[in-house]
Every structure is written in structure tokens, then in C-alpha cells.
Amino acid sequence: MDTLPTPWHASPRQAAAPYSDSATGEIRIPLSLFCVDTHLRDVDLVLTRAEGEAFLEELRPALTAATATAVTRRPEVVR
């Protein structure tokens, strides 16, 4: 059965940077939740240090691929 993509998405919260709690070792990433373009609420994604490191390693290939594609593309000659 085909399903439609969800209209929900999360974005980094404006003017808020990720931070860590030195007492617990947790990493908190401030996010804003949206449904289409309607702001629903602000939440923190809370990860352990190990989860944060694993998440970064999973993101790294996608970030590297996007950068490599943008850097290695050469403009075509206009005729």
C-alpha cells in the first residue's frame, strides 16, 4: 500500500545552538516542529553522547556527498 509523505518536519530552532549537559552527558538539539509551514511547537532532541556520535557518523556520508557533488560539478559550456 502506497502512503503519502507526511507533511510534518523539524528544523533547527532559530537562534538556538545545540548544547551538552555536563552532569548527564546528554546532547540537546533545539528543534522546531512544523506541519507544512505551520509552527506547532519547539522541542529538544535529546541524545546520549554515544547516540550523538553515532548520529553524526550516519549523517557524515550524506553531508560529504552533497559537498563533493557541489564542489566537483563543472559548468557546461553554453553554445
PDB file of N, CA and C in Angstrom:
ATOM      1  N   MET A   1       0.852  -1.189   0.000  1.00  0.00           N
ATOM      2  CA  MET A   1       0.000   0.000   0.000  1.00  0.00           C
ATOM      3  C   MET A   1       0.887   1.237   0.000  1.00  0.00           C
ATOM      4  N   ASP A   2       0.647   2.144  -0.928  1.00  0.00           N
ATOM      5  CA  ASP A   2       1.404   3.390  -1.002  1.00  0.00           C
ATOM      6  C   ASP A   2       0.875   4.374   0.031  1.00  0.00           C
ATOM      7  N   THR A   3       1.803   5.090   0.639  1.00  0.00           N
ATOM      8  CA  THR A   3       1.410   6.120   1.597  1.00  0.00           C
ATOM      9  C   THR A   3       1.971   7.446   1.133  1.00  0.00           C
ATOM     10  N   LEU A   4       1.266   8.486   1.454  1.00  0.00           N
ATOM     11  CA  LEU A   4       1.725   9.832   1.116  1.00  0.00           C
ATOM     12  C   LEU A   4       2.768  10.270   2.128  1.00  0.00           C
ATOM     13  N   PRO A   5       3.717  11.089   1.697  1.00  0.00           N
ATOM     14  CA  PRO A   5       4.699  11.594   2.662  1.00  0.00           C
ATOM     15  C   PRO A   5       4.018  12.451   3.710  1.00  0.00           C
ATOM     16  N   THR A   6       4.532  12.402   4.904  1.00  0.00           N
ATOM     17  CA  THR A   6       3.955  13.181   5.986  1.00  0.00           C
ATOM     18  C   THR A   6       4.253  14.670   5.784  1.00  0.00           C
ATOM     19  N   PRO A   7       3.326  15.532   6.121  1.00  0.00           N
ATOM     20  CA  PRO A   7       3.582  16.974   5.994  1.00  0.00           C
ATOM     21  C   PRO A   7       4.367  17.532   7.180  1.00  0.00           C
ATOM     22  N   TRP A   8       4.715  16.678   8.138  1.00  0.00           N
ATOM     23  CA  TRP A   8       5.460  17.114   9.314  1.00  0.00           C
ATOM     24  C   TRP A   8       6.944  17.173   9.004  1.00  0.00           C
ATOM     25  N   HIS A   9       7.618  18.136   9.593  1.00  0.00           N
ATOM     26  CA  HIS A   9       9.076  18.189   9.511  1.00  0.00           C
ATOM     27  C   HIS A   9       9.623  18.984  10.700  1.00  0.00           C
ATOM     28  N   ALA A  10      10.914  18.806  10.938  1.00  0.00           N
ATOM     29  CA  ALA A  10      11.586  19.521  12.016  1.00  0.00           C
ATOM     30  C   ALA A  10      12.733  20.318  11.425  1.00  0.00           C
ATOM     31  N   SER A  11      12.979  21.467  11.994  1.00  0.00           N
ATOM     32  CA  SER A  11      14.092  22.323  11.591  1.00  0.00           C
ATOM     33  C   SER A  11      14.825  22.780  12.840  1.00  0.00           C
ATOM     34  N   PRO A  12      16.118  23.077  12.707  1.00  0.00           N
ATOM     35  CA  PRO A  12      16.824  23.643  13.868  1.00  0.00           C
ATOM     36  C   PRO A  12      16.130  24.927  14.318  1.00  0.00           C
ATOM     37  N   ARG A  13      16.008  25.085  15.615  1.00  0.00           N
ATOM     38  CA  ARG A  13      15.355  26.273  16.155  1.00  0.00           C
ATOM     39  C   ARG A  13      16.229  27.491  15.908  1.00  0.00           C
ATOM     40  N   GLN A  14      15.627  28.563  15.422  1.00  0.00           N
ATOM     41  CA  GLN A  14      16.379  29.782  15.125  1.00  0.00           C
ATOM     42  C   GLN A  14      16.999  30.347  16.395  1.00  0.00           C
ATOM     43  N   ALA A  15      18.232  30.810  16.249  1.00  0.00           N
ATOM     44  CA  ALA A  15      18.977  31.467  17.337  1.00  0.00           C
ATOM     45  C   ALA A  15      19.199  30.553  18.539  1.00  0.00           C
ATOM     46  N   ALA A  16      19.195  29.221  18.302  1.00  0.00           N
ATOM     47  CA  ALA A  16      19.455  28.278  19.391  1.00  0.00           C
ATOM     48  C   ALA A  16      20.464  27.244  18.901  1.00  0.00           C
ATOM     49  N   ALA A  17      21.526  27.067  19.643  1.00  0.00           N
ATOM     50  CA  ALA A  17      22.570  26.126  19.257  1.00  0.00           C
ATOM     51  C   ALA A  17      22.469  24.852  20.095  1.00  0.00           C
ATOM     52  N   PRO A  18      22.907  23.721  19.540  1.00  0.00           N
ATOM     53  CA  PRO A  18      22.971  22.501  20.349  1.00  0.00           C
ATOM     54  C   PRO A  18      23.880  22.726  21.562  1.00  0.00           C
ATOM     55  N   TYR A  19      23.586  22.034  22.633  1.00  0.00           N
ATOM     56  CA  TYR A  19      24.409  22.169  23.828  1.00  0.00           C
ATOM     57  C   TYR A  19      24.446  20.841  24.570  1.00  0.00           C
ATOM     58  N   SER A  20      25.428  20.707  25.443  1.00  0.00           N
ATOM     59  CA  SER A  20      25.548  19.470  26.213  1.00  0.00           C
ATOM     60  C   SER A  20      25.362  19.769  27.692  1.00  0.00           C
ATOM     61  N   ASP A  21      24.894  18.760  28.386  1.00  0.00           N
ATOM     62  CA  ASP A  21      24.719  18.836  29.837  1.00  0.00           C
ATOM     63  C   ASP A  21      25.901  18.098  30.464  1.00  0.00           C
ATOM     64  N   SER A  22      26.790  18.824  31.116  1.00  0.00           N
ATOM     65  CA  SER A  22      27.995  18.203  31.659  1.00  0.00           C
ATOM     66  C   SER A  22      27.678  17.217  32.783  1.00  0.00           C
ATOM     67  N   ALA A  23      26.549  17.385  33.463  1.00  0.00           N
ATOM     68  CA  ALA A  23      26.190  16.490  34.562  1.00  0.00           C
ATOM     69  C   ALA A  23      25.727  15.124  34.046  1.00  0.00           C
ATOM     70  N   THR A  24      24.945  15.111  32.962  1.00  0.00           N
ATOM     71  CA  THR A  24      24.379  13.849  32.449  1.00  0.00           C
ATOM     72  C   THR A  24      25.094  13.340  31.204  1.00  0.00           C
ATOM     73  N   GLY A  25      25.811  14.242  30.508  1.00  0.00           N
ATOM     74  CA  GLY A  25      26.456  13.854  29.259  1.00  0.00           C
ATOM     75  C   GLY A  25      25.517  13.922  28.067  1.00  0.00           C
ATOM     76  N   GLU A  26      24.272  14.336  28.293  1.00  0.00           N
ATOM     77  CA  GLU A  26      23.307  14.431  27.197  1.00  0.00           C
ATOM     78  C   GLU A  26      23.653  15.572  26.257  1.00  0.00           C
ATOM     79  N   ILE A  27      23.292  15.384  25.004  1.00  0.00           N
ATOM     80  CA  ILE A  27      23.406  16.431  23.996  1.00  0.00           C
ATOM     81  C   ILE A  27      21.986  16.811  23.615  1.00  0.00           C
ATOM     82  N   ARG A  28      21.698  18.094  23.638  1.00  0.00           N
ATOM     83  CA  ARG A  28      20.350  18.578  23.310  1.00  0.00           C
ATOM     84  C   ARG A  28      20.416  19.427  22.051  1.00  0.00           C
ATOM     85  N   ILE A  29      19.542  19.109  21.111  1.00  0.00           N
ATOM     86  CA  ILE A  29      19.474  19.836  19.849  1.00  0.00           C
ATOM     87  C   ILE A  29      18.106  20.505  19.779  1.00  0.00           C
ATOM     88  N   PRO A  30      18.055  21.827  19.889  1.00  0.00           N
ATOM     89  CA  PRO A  30      16.780  22.542  19.856  1.00  0.00           C
ATOM     90  C   PRO A  30      16.157  22.495  18.456  1.00  0.00           C
ATOM     91  N   LEU A  31      14.917  22.011  18.377  1.00  0.00           N
ATOM     92  CA  LEU A  31      14.208  21.895  17.103  1.00  0.00           C
ATOM     93  C   LEU A  31      12.862  22.595  17.175  1.00  0.00           C
ATOM     94  N   SER A  32      12.368  23.004  16.009  1.00  0.00           N
ATOM     95  CA  SER A  32      11.007  23.488  15.861  1.00  0.00           C
ATOM     96  C   SER A  32      10.265  22.489  14.981  1.00  0.00           C
ATOM     97  N   LEU A  33       9.068  22.089  15.400  1.00  0.00           N
ATOM     98  CA  LEU A  33       8.255  21.162  14.627  1.00  0.00           C
ATOM     99  C   LEU A  33       7.225  21.929  13.812  1.00  0.00           C
ATOM    100  N   PHE A  34       7.053  21.498  12.562  1.00  0.00           N
ATOM    101  CA  PHE A  34       6.115  22.146  11.648  1.00  0.00           C
ATOM    102  C   PHE A  34       5.225  21.105  10.993  1.00  0.00           C
ATOM    103  N   CYS A  35       4.024  21.500  10.637  1.00  0.00           N
ATOM    104  CA  CYS A  35       3.145  20.736   9.759  1.00  0.00           C
ATOM    105  C   CYS A  35       2.955  21.635   8.550  1.00  0.00           C
ATOM    106  N   VAL A  36       3.510  21.216   7.418  1.00  0.00           N
ATOM    107  CA  VAL A  36       3.645  22.045   6.232  1.00  0.00           C
ATOM    108  C   VAL A  36       4.439  23.273   6.673  1.00  0.00           C
ATOM    109  N   ASP A  37       3.861  24.471   6.672  1.00  0.00           N
ATOM    110  CA  ASP A  37       4.598  25.660   7.101  1.00  0.00           C
ATOM    111  C   ASP A  37       4.039  26.260   8.387  1.00  0.00           C
ATOM    112  N   THR A  38       3.253  25.477   9.112  1.00  0.00           N
ATOM    113  CA  THR A  38       2.677  25.970  10.360  1.00  0.00           C
ATOM    114  C   THR A  38       3.495  25.467  11.538  1.00  0.00           C
ATOM    115  N   HIS A  39       4.036  26.406  12.322  1.00  0.00           N
ATOM    116  CA  HIS A  39       4.819  26.059  13.504  1.00  0.00           C
ATOM    117  C   HIS A  39       3.900  25.435  14.544  1.00  0.00           C
ATOM    118  N   LEU A  40       4.259  24.249  15.023  1.00  0.00           N
ATOM    119  CA  LEU A  40       3.443  23.566  16.018  1.00  0.00           C
ATOM    120  C   LEU A  40       3.995  23.733  17.431  1.00  0.00           C
ATOM    121  N   ARG A  41       5.292  23.475  17.589  1.00  0.00           N
ATOM    122  CA  ARG A  41       5.900  23.619  18.917  1.00  0.00           C
ATOM    123  C   ARG A  41       7.404  23.492  18.809  1.00  0.00           C
ATOM    124  N   ASP A  42       8.083  23.879  19.866  1.00  0.00           N
ATOM    125  CA  ASP A  42       9.526  23.717  19.979  1.00  0.00           C
ATOM    126  C   ASP A  42       9.809  22.538  20.898  1.00  0.00           C
ATOM    127  N   VAL A  43      10.782  21.736  20.520  1.00  0.00           N
ATOM    128  CA  VAL A  43      11.195  20.582  21.323  1.00  0.00           C
ATOM    129  C   VAL A  43      12.710  20.465  21.269  1.00  0.00           C
ATOM    130  N   ASP A  44      13.266  19.674  22.166  1.00  0.00           N
ATOM    131  CA  ASP A  44      14.690  19.346  22.133  1.00  0.00           C
ATOM    132  C   ASP A  44      14.829  17.876  21.769  1.00  0.00           C
ATOM    133  N   LEU A  45      15.699  17.584  20.809  1.00  0.00           N
ATOM    134  CA  LEU A  45      16.102  16.208  20.536  1.00  0.00           C
ATOM    135  C   LEU A  45      17.202  15.912  21.539  1.00  0.00           C
ATOM    136  N   VAL A  46      16.992  14.922  22.405  1.00  0.00           N
ATOM    137  CA  VAL A  46      17.951  14.608  23.472  1.00  0.00           C
ATOM    138  C   VAL A  46      18.633  13.289  23.138  1.00  0.00           C
ATOM    139  N   LEU A  47      19.959  13.333  23.063  1.00  0.00           N
ATOM    140  CA  LEU A  47      20.751  12.158  22.736  1.00  0.00           C
ATOM    141  C   LEU A  47      21.827  11.943  23.788  1.00  0.00           C
ATOM    142  N   THR A  48      22.177  10.682  24.014  1.00  0.00           N
ATOM    143  CA  THR A  48      23.361  10.425  24.830  1.00  0.00           C
ATOM    144  C   THR A  48      24.563  10.794  23.975  1.00  0.00           C
ATOM    145  N   ARG A  49      25.707  10.907  24.589  1.00  0.00           N
ATOM    146  CA  ARG A  49      26.918  11.223  23.819  1.00  0.00           C
ATOM    147  C   ARG A  49      27.163  10.157  22.754  1.00  0.00           C
ATOM    148  N   ALA A  50      26.997   8.882  23.114  1.00  0.00           N
ATOM    149  CA  ALA A  50      27.199   7.785  22.151  1.00  0.00           C
ATOM    150  C   ALA A  50      26.200   7.883  21.000  1.00  0.00           C
ATOM    151  N   GLU A  51      24.937   8.211  21.302  1.00  0.00           N
ATOM    152  CA  GLU A  51      23.928   8.369  20.246  1.00  0.00           C
ATOM    153  C   GLU A  51      24.274   9.547  19.344  1.00  0.00           C
ATOM    154  N   GLY A  52      24.748  10.645  19.945  1.00  0.00           N
ATOM    155  CA  GLY A  52      25.139  11.818  19.166  1.00  0.00           C
ATOM    156  C   GLY A  52      26.281  11.507  18.217  1.00  0.00           C
ATOM    157  N   GLU A  53      27.273  10.767  18.701  1.00  0.00           N
ATOM    158  CA  GLU A  53      28.407  10.388  17.856  1.00  0.00           C
ATOM    159  C   GLU A  53      27.966   9.455  16.731  1.00  0.00           C
ATOM    160  N   ALA A  54      27.092   8.491  17.038  1.00  0.00           N
ATOM    161  CA  ALA A  54      26.589   7.566  16.018  1.00  0.00           C
ATOM    162  C   ALA A  54      25.758   8.318  14.980  1.00  0.00           C
ATOM    163  N   PHE A  55      24.945   9.274  15.438  1.00  0.00           N
ATOM    164  CA  PHE A  55      24.115  10.070  14.527  1.00  0.00           C
ATOM    165  C   PHE A  55      24.992  10.886  13.585  1.00  0.00           C
ATOM    166  N   LEU A  56      26.035  11.494  14.116  1.00  0.00           N
ATOM    167  CA  LEU A  56      26.957  12.268  13.296  1.00  0.00           C
ATOM    168  C   LEU A  56      27.610  11.382  12.237  1.00  0.00           C
ATOM    169  N   GLU A  57      28.013  10.178  12.623  1.00  0.00           N
ATOM    170  CA  GLU A  57      28.638   9.259  11.666  1.00  0.00           C
ATOM    171  C   GLU A  57      27.662   8.845  10.564  1.00  0.00           C
ATOM    172  N   GLU A  58      26.374   8.714  10.902  1.00  0.00           N
ATOM    173  CA  GLU A  58      25.368   8.383   9.896  1.00  0.00           C
ATOM    174  C   GLU A  58      25.109   9.565   8.959  1.00  0.00           C
ATOM    175  N   LEU A  59      25.204  10.785   9.475  1.00  0.00           N
ATOM    176  CA  LEU A  59      24.980  11.976   8.656  1.00  0.00           C
ATOM    177  C   LEU A  59      26.175  12.314   7.772  1.00  0.00           C
ATOM    178  N   ARG A  60      27.368  11.980   8.239  1.00  0.00           N
ATOM    179  CA  ARG A  60      28.591  12.377   7.542  1.00  0.00           C
ATOM    180  C   ARG A  60      28.605  11.990   6.057  1.00  0.00           C
ATOM    181  N   PRO A  61      28.241  10.748   5.673  1.00  0.00           N
ATOM    182  CA  PRO A  61      28.264  10.407   4.248  1.00  0.00           C
ATOM    183  C   PRO A  61      27.315  11.279   3.406  1.00  0.00           C
ATOM    184  N   ALA A  62      26.150  11.583   3.946  1.00  0.00           N
ATOM    185  CA  ALA A  62      25.205  12.428   3.204  1.00  0.00           C
ATOM    186  C   ALA A  62      25.744  13.850   3.079  1.00  0.00           C
ATOM    187  N   LEU A  63      26.353  14.358   4.133  1.00  0.00           N
ATOM    188  CA  LEU A  63      26.920  15.702   4.091  1.00  0.00           C
ATOM    189  C   LEU A  63      28.111  15.757   3.149  1.00  0.00           C
ATOM    190  N   THR A  64      28.935  14.744   3.193  1.00  0.00           N
ATOM    191  CA  THR A  64      30.111  14.690   2.318  1.00  0.00           C
ATOM    192  C   THR A  64      29.689  14.570   0.857  1.00  0.00           C
ATOM    193  N   ALA A  65      28.691  13.734   0.579  1.00  0.00           N
ATOM    194  CA  ALA A  65      28.219  13.549  -0.795  1.00  0.00           C
ATOM    195  C   ALA A  65      27.659  14.854  -1.356  1.00  0.00           C
ATOM    196  N   ALA A  66      26.908  15.575  -0.548  1.00  0.00           N
ATOM    197  CA  ALA A  66      26.328  16.837  -1.011  1.00  0.00           C
ATOM    198  C   ALA A  66      27.431  17.849  -1.299  1.00  0.00           C
ATOM    199  N   THR A  67      28.439  17.908  -0.441  1.00  0.00           N
ATOM    200  CA  THR A  67      29.553  18.840  -0.635  1.00  0.00           C
ATOM    201  C   THR A  67      30.380  18.438  -1.839  1.00  0.00           C
ATOM    202  N   ALA A  68      30.687  17.154  -1.961  1.00  0.00           N
ATOM    203  CA  ALA A  68      31.511  16.673  -3.073  1.00  0.00           C
ATOM    204  C   ALA A  68      30.825  16.928  -4.410  1.00  0.00           C
ATOM    205  N   THR A  69      29.525  16.710  -4.469  1.00  0.00           N
ATOM    206  CA  THR A  69      28.789  16.945  -5.706  1.00  0.00           C
ATOM    207  C   THR A  69      28.834  18.415  -6.090  1.00  0.00           C
ATOM    208  N   ALA A  70      28.631  19.277  -5.120  1.00  0.00           N
ATOM    209  CA  ALA A  70      28.619  20.708  -5.401  1.00  0.00           C
ATOM    210  C   ALA A  70      30.005  21.202  -5.810  1.00  0.00           C
ATOM    211  N   VAL A  71      31.049  20.659  -5.204  1.00  0.00           N
ATOM    212  CA  VAL A  71      32.400  21.125  -5.473  1.00  0.00           C
ATOM    213  C   VAL A  71      32.922  20.596  -6.804  1.00  0.00           C
ATOM    214  N   THR A  72      32.608  19.344  -7.138  1.00  0.00           N
ATOM    215  CA  THR A  72      33.195  18.739  -8.336  1.00  0.00           C
ATOM    216  C   THR A  72      32.412  19.021  -9.612  1.00  0.00           C
ATOM    217  N   ARG A  73      31.240  19.567  -9.520  1.00  0.00           N
ATOM    218  CA  ARG A  73      30.465  19.871 -10.718  1.00  0.00           C
ATOM    219  C   ARG A  73      31.099  21.041 -11.448  1.00  0.00           C
ATOM    220  N   ARG A  74      31.250  20.902 -12.743  1.00  0.00           N
ATOM    221  CA  ARG A  74      31.818  21.982 -13.545  1.00  0.00           C
ATOM    222  C   ARG A  74      30.739  22.560 -14.445  1.00  0.00           C
ATOM    223  N   PRO A  75      30.738  23.858 -14.627  1.00  0.00           N
ATOM    224  CA  PRO A  75      29.724  24.440 -15.515  1.00  0.00           C
ATOM    225  C   PRO A  75      29.912  23.948 -16.936  1.00  0.00           C
ATOM    226  N   GLU A  76      28.810  23.726 -17.607  1.00  0.00           N
ATOM    227  CA  GLU A  76      28.866  23.299 -19.005  1.00  0.00           C
ATOM    228  C   GLU A  76      29.045  24.511 -19.905  1.00  0.00           C
ATOM    229  N   VAL A  77      29.644  24.281 -21.018  1.00  0.00           N
ATOM    230  CA  VAL A  77      29.839  25.364 -21.994  1.00  0.00           C
ATOM    231  C   VAL A  77      28.491  25.697 -22.627  1.00  0.00           C
ATOM    232  N   VAL A  78      28.166  26.963 -22.647  1.00  0.00           N
ATOM    233  CA  VAL A  78      26.918  27.418 -23.252  1.00  0.00           C
ATOM    234  C   VAL A  78      27.177  27.600 -24.744  1.00  0.00           C
ATOM    235  N   ARG A  79      26.330  27.029 -25.574  1.00  0.00           N
ATOM    236  CA  ARG A  79      26.511  27.162 -27.032  1.00  0.00           C
ATOM    237  C   ARG A  79      25.375  27.914 -27.647  1.00  0.00           C
TER     238      ARG A  79
END
